[in-house]
Amino acid sequence: MNAADYYGLDELRRACAGFVQCCINVDTVCALLASAERYIQYKCTKSLVQKVLEFVDEHGNEVLNLGSFTLLPQHVVRLILARDELQADEFTKFQAALMWGKFFLNFSVKIWLKADPASVDPGKLSPNRVRRHAQGRSMSVQSSLDPYGSNTTLSSSGSSELVSSDGKHSSN
């Protein structure tokens, strides 16, 4: 589609765009967004992305519950969740953001460990604890193995405090 656009083959571009638009469904929507993002500099891709986002808006709850949603880049996730037209309930939006965050965090930790495994003290790692410090404040996430995050508690404070799913506080 983009090659046809680049070479001015309008009929081929329209045929490709029409085909891709016919392929937009719940199973393909995240893959289309991820692929289109690589070619967003092309005018025809921008119109296709708009069509895909309209589909996401109409099928919000279904799309946000897809496992492939966690594979989208952060700016695409933010764009989707911020859309006023998105037809999804707030709980589903929260769950989608939480699952994306868990996947992103796990992916980042794996990359970090591959980069410098000698810098990790295994005694200080806990699979159920994550601590993030920013300008003297901390945000903590404690999660059970529940895949929907229903036992996950977030806390933010001036100190380094964790709140577990059973409501117990601990500090560092």
Protein backbone atom coordinates (compact mmCIF):
# COMPACT_ATOMS: atom_id res chain seq x y z
CA MET A 1 0.00 0.00 0.00
CA ASN A 2 2.75 2.42 0.92
CA ALA A 3 4.88 1.42 -2.09
CA ALA A 4 1.85 2.07 -4.32
CA ASP A 5 1.45 5.45 -2.64
CA TYR A 6 5.15 6.25 -3.07
CA TYR A 7 5.12 5.35 -6.78
CA GLY A 8 1.80 7.07 -7.45
CA LEU A 9 -0.11 3.89 -8.27
CA ASP A 10 -3.44 5.18 -6.98
CA GLU A 11 -5.57 2.26 -8.16
CA LEU A 12 -3.27 -0.27 -6.46
CA ARG A 13 -3.15 1.87 -3.30
CA ARG A 14 -6.97 2.02 -3.17
CA ALA A 15 -7.19 -1.74 -3.73
CA CYS A 16 -4.70 -2.43 -0.94
CA ALA A 17 -6.41 0.01 1.42
CA GLY A 18 -9.78 -1.57 0.66
CA PHE A 19 -8.42 -5.04 1.33
CA VAL A 20 -6.85 -4.03 4.64
CA GLN A 21 -10.05 -2.28 5.74
CA CYS A 22 -11.98 -5.49 5.05
CA CYS A 23 -9.51 -7.35 7.28
CA ILE A 24 -10.08 -5.16 10.34
CA ASN A 25 -11.57 -7.34 13.06
CA VAL A 26 -10.95 -8.04 16.75
CA ASP A 27 -8.29 -10.63 15.94
CA THR A 28 -6.27 -8.36 13.63
CA VAL A 29 -6.75 -4.89 15.08
CA CYS A 30 -3.67 -4.81 17.35
CA ALA A 31 -1.41 -6.27 14.65
CA LEU A 32 -2.69 -3.65 12.20
CA LEU A 33 -1.98 -0.85 14.68
CA ALA A 34 1.51 -2.16 15.37
CA SER A 35 2.27 -2.54 11.66
CA ALA A 36 0.76 0.78 10.65
CA GLU A 37 2.80 2.58 13.28
CA ARG A 38 6.00 1.68 11.40
CA TYR A 39 4.71 3.38 8.25
CA ILE A 40 2.80 6.31 9.77
CA GLN A 41 4.79 8.82 7.72
CA TYR A 42 2.74 7.82 4.65
CA LYS A 43 -0.54 9.63 4.03
CA CYS A 44 -2.46 6.46 3.17
CA THR A 45 -1.32 4.80 6.40
CA LYS A 46 -2.68 7.71 8.43
CA SER A 47 -6.15 7.21 6.97
CA LEU A 48 -5.92 3.47 7.64
CA VAL A 49 -4.91 4.11 11.26
CA GLN A 50 -7.96 6.35 11.61
CA LYS A 51 -10.19 3.49 10.37
CA VAL A 52 -8.53 1.06 12.78
CA LEU A 53 -8.98 3.49 15.68
CA GLU A 54 -12.66 3.88 14.78
CA PHE A 55 -12.98 0.09 14.95
CA VAL A 56 -11.21 0.10 18.35
CA ASP A 57 -13.65 2.78 19.55
CA GLU A 58 -16.66 0.67 18.54
CA HIS A 59 -15.29 -2.58 20.02
CA GLY A 60 -13.44 -1.13 23.01
CA ASN A 61 -14.12 -3.77 25.66
CA GLU A 62 -13.22 -6.63 23.29
CA VAL A 63 -10.00 -4.98 22.06
CA LEU A 64 -8.82 -3.99 25.53
CA ASN A 65 -9.20 -7.58 26.71
CA LEU A 66 -6.96 -8.97 23.95
CA GLY A 67 -3.60 -10.41 24.93
CA SER A 68 -2.13 -8.68 21.87
CA PHE A 69 -3.08 -5.31 23.41
CA THR A 70 -0.11 -5.71 25.77
CA LEU A 71 2.24 -5.79 22.76
CA LEU A 72 1.35 -2.29 21.58
CA PRO A 73 3.84 0.54 22.15
CA GLN A 74 3.15 2.88 25.07
CA HIS A 75 2.13 5.87 22.96
CA VAL A 76 -0.45 3.76 21.08
CA VAL A 77 -1.89 2.44 24.35
CA ARG A 78 -2.09 5.99 25.71
CA LEU A 79 -3.74 7.21 22.51
CA ILE A 80 -6.38 4.47 22.68
CA LEU A 81 -7.14 4.86 26.38
CA ALA A 82 -7.40 8.65 26.11
CA ARG A 83 -9.92 8.62 23.26
CA ASP A 84 -13.32 10.07 24.20
CA GLU A 85 -14.93 7.91 21.53
CA LEU A 86 -13.66 4.64 23.09
CA GLN A 87 -16.68 2.55 24.06
CA ALA A 88 -15.26 0.71 27.05
CA ASP A 89 -16.09 0.81 30.71
CA GLU A 90 -13.57 2.34 33.13
CA PHE A 91 -12.81 -0.98 34.83
CA THR A 92 -11.85 -2.58 31.51
CA LYS A 93 -9.66 0.43 30.71
CA PHE A 94 -7.96 0.09 34.09
CA GLN A 95 -7.44 -3.66 33.63
CA ALA A 96 -6.00 -3.13 30.15
CA ALA A 97 -3.58 -0.47 31.42
CA LEU A 98 -2.58 -2.68 34.35
CA MET A 99 -2.00 -5.74 32.18
CA TRP A 100 -0.02 -3.65 29.68
CA GLY A 101 2.06 -2.27 32.55
CA LYS A 102 2.73 -5.73 33.98
CA PHE A 103 3.82 -7.03 30.58
CA PHE A 104 5.99 -3.97 29.93
CA LEU A 105 7.59 -4.22 33.37
CA ASN A 106 8.31 -7.94 32.97
CA PHE A 107 9.73 -7.34 29.49
CA SER A 108 11.90 -4.45 30.76
CA VAL A 109 13.23 -6.49 33.68
CA LYS A 110 14.11 -9.38 31.34
CA ILE A 111 15.97 -7.01 29.02
CA TRP A 112 17.75 -5.42 31.98
CA LEU A 113 18.75 -8.81 33.39
CA LYS A 114 20.10 -9.93 30.02
CA ALA A 115 22.12 -6.72 29.79
CA ASP A 116 23.81 -7.04 33.20
CA PRO A 117 22.87 -10.19 35.18
CA ALA A 118 25.85 -9.76 37.53
CA SER A 119 24.38 -6.54 38.94
CA VAL A 120 21.33 -8.36 40.37
CA ASP A 121 21.22 -9.52 43.97
CA PRO A 122 18.79 -12.49 43.86
CA GLY A 123 18.07 -12.12 47.57
CA LYS A 124 16.51 -8.71 46.98
CA LEU A 125 14.25 -9.77 44.13
CA SER A 126 10.64 -10.66 44.81
CA PRO A 127 8.25 -11.55 41.97
CA ASN A 128 5.35 -9.87 43.75
CA ARG A 129 6.98 -6.55 44.56
CA VAL A 130 7.93 -3.63 42.41
CA ARG A 131 9.13 -0.32 43.74
CA ARG A 132 9.61 2.84 41.73
CA HIS A 133 11.14 5.97 43.25
CA ALA A 134 10.77 9.35 41.60
CA GLN A 135 11.79 12.62 43.26
CA GLY A 136 11.43 11.37 46.81
CA ARG A 137 8.06 9.70 46.23
CA SER A 138 7.45 6.03 45.72
CA MET A 139 4.84 4.10 43.85
CA SER A 140 4.45 0.47 44.73
CA VAL A 141 2.60 -2.32 43.05
CA GLN A 142 1.85 -5.57 44.82
CA SER A 143 0.11 -8.21 42.79
CA SER A 144 -1.09 -11.73 43.29
CA LEU A 145 -1.04 -14.27 40.48
CA ASP A 146 -4.57 -13.21 39.45
CA PRO A 147 -4.24 -12.52 35.68
CA TYR A 148 -6.84 -9.75 35.86
CA GLY A 149 -5.10 -7.85 38.63
CA SER A 150 -8.14 -7.80 40.91
CA ASN A 151 -5.91 -8.27 43.97
CA THR A 152 -3.49 -5.54 42.94
CA THR A 153 -3.07 -2.52 45.15
CA LEU A 154 -1.36 0.71 44.20
CA SER A 155 -0.05 3.12 46.77
CA SER A 156 1.83 6.34 46.48
CA SER A 157 3.49 8.06 49.39
CA GLY A 158 6.40 10.20 50.46
CA SER A 159 8.12 7.18 51.95
CA SER A 160 8.88 3.78 50.57
CA GLU A 161 5.75 1.92 51.65
CA LEU A 162 4.18 -1.22 50.23
CA VAL A 163 0.57 -2.27 50.63
CA SER A 164 -0.12 -5.95 50.02
CA SER A 165 -3.35 -7.38 48.65
CA ASP A 166 -4.35 -8.34 52.19
CA GLY A 167 -3.98 -4.69 53.29
CA LYS A 168 -0.75 -5.08 55.32
CA HIS A 169 1.74 -2.24 55.11
CA SER A 170 5.48 -2.63 55.05
CA SER A 171 8.16 -0.04 54.59
CA ASN A 172 11.81 0.07 53.65
